[in-house]
Protein backbone atom coordinates (compact mmCIF):
# COMPACT_ATOMS: atom_id res chain seq x y z
CA THR A 1 155.27 226.09 146.94
CA GLU A 2 156.82 222.70 148.01
CA SER A 3 155.31 219.66 145.93
CA ALA A 4 154.00 216.24 147.50
CA GLN A 5 156.10 213.31 147.40
CA MET A 6 155.28 209.72 147.89
CA SER A 7 157.37 207.45 149.47
CA CYS A 8 157.15 203.94 151.34
CA THR A 9 158.53 204.28 154.91
CA ILE A 10 159.56 200.75 155.58
CA SER A 11 161.12 200.81 152.19
CA ARG A 12 163.27 203.95 153.11
CA GLN A 13 164.07 202.32 156.34
CA HIS A 14 165.27 199.06 155.25
CA ALA A 15 166.80 199.96 151.92
CA GLN A 16 170.33 200.69 152.58
CA GLU A 17 170.26 197.09 153.77
CA LYS A 18 168.62 195.29 150.89
CA ASN A 19 170.33 197.25 148.67
CA CYS A 20 167.14 198.86 146.95
CA ASN A 21 166.69 201.82 145.15
CA ASN A 22 163.67 203.16 143.78
CA SER A 23 161.08 206.04 143.65
CA PHE A 24 159.09 204.82 146.90
CA VAL A 25 162.79 205.13 148.43
CA THR A 26 163.65 208.35 147.11
CA GLY A 27 160.64 209.98 147.03
CA ASN A 28 158.18 209.97 143.88
CA LYS A 29 156.76 213.59 142.85
CA THR A 30 154.45 211.51 140.49
CA VAL A 31 152.02 210.90 142.52
CA LYS A 32 149.85 207.77 140.88
CA LEU A 33 147.81 205.61 143.04
CA GLU A 34 148.40 202.53 140.27
CA THR A 35 151.85 202.59 141.04
CA ILE A 36 151.24 201.53 144.78
CA PRO A 37 150.21 197.75 144.30
CA GLU A 38 153.33 197.70 142.16
CA HIS A 39 155.50 198.39 144.72
CA GLU A 40 154.07 196.34 147.35
CA ASN A 41 154.39 193.44 145.34
CA SER A 42 158.25 194.86 144.39
CA LYS A 43 161.26 192.39 145.70
CA CYS A 44 162.12 195.84 147.24
CA HIS A 45 159.39 196.19 149.52
CA ILE A 46 158.94 192.41 150.13
CA ALA A 47 162.39 192.44 151.37
CA CYS A 48 162.14 195.41 153.44
CA THR A 49 158.61 194.51 154.99
CA SER A 50 160.19 190.97 156.01
CA MET A 51 163.44 192.83 157.68
CA SER A 52 161.17 195.08 159.31
CA ARG A 53 158.84 192.56 160.73
CA ALA A 54 161.99 190.27 161.84
CA GLN A 55 162.95 193.31 163.79
CA SER A 56 159.75 193.92 165.62
CA GLU A 57 159.17 190.32 166.65
CA SER A 58 163.02 190.44 167.86
CA LEU A 59 162.07 193.46 169.90
CA LEU A 60 159.25 191.43 171.66
CA VAL A 61 161.49 188.48 172.90
CA THR A 62 162.55 189.43 176.29
CA PRO A 63 165.44 187.49 178.27
CA THR A 64 162.16 185.76 180.40
CA ILE A 65 160.48 184.93 177.29
CA SER A 66 163.79 183.76 175.62
CA ALA A 67 164.12 181.58 178.59
CA LEU A 68 160.38 180.07 178.50
CA MET A 69 160.80 179.12 174.80
């Protein structure tokens, strides 16, 4: 039987770039809902969220939009 793991997709995507390594990056077999707000407020998650948001915004800027700006 495979046990469930809790992880953060955004933190996993950007962990290497932001040098983050915690249980939400590697996968946490101890699923506790009270740890989610702690992770959301962690430096790792905030940095990774900022990186993800910046990448998403840069994808929305096409050459035409850039010229108009």
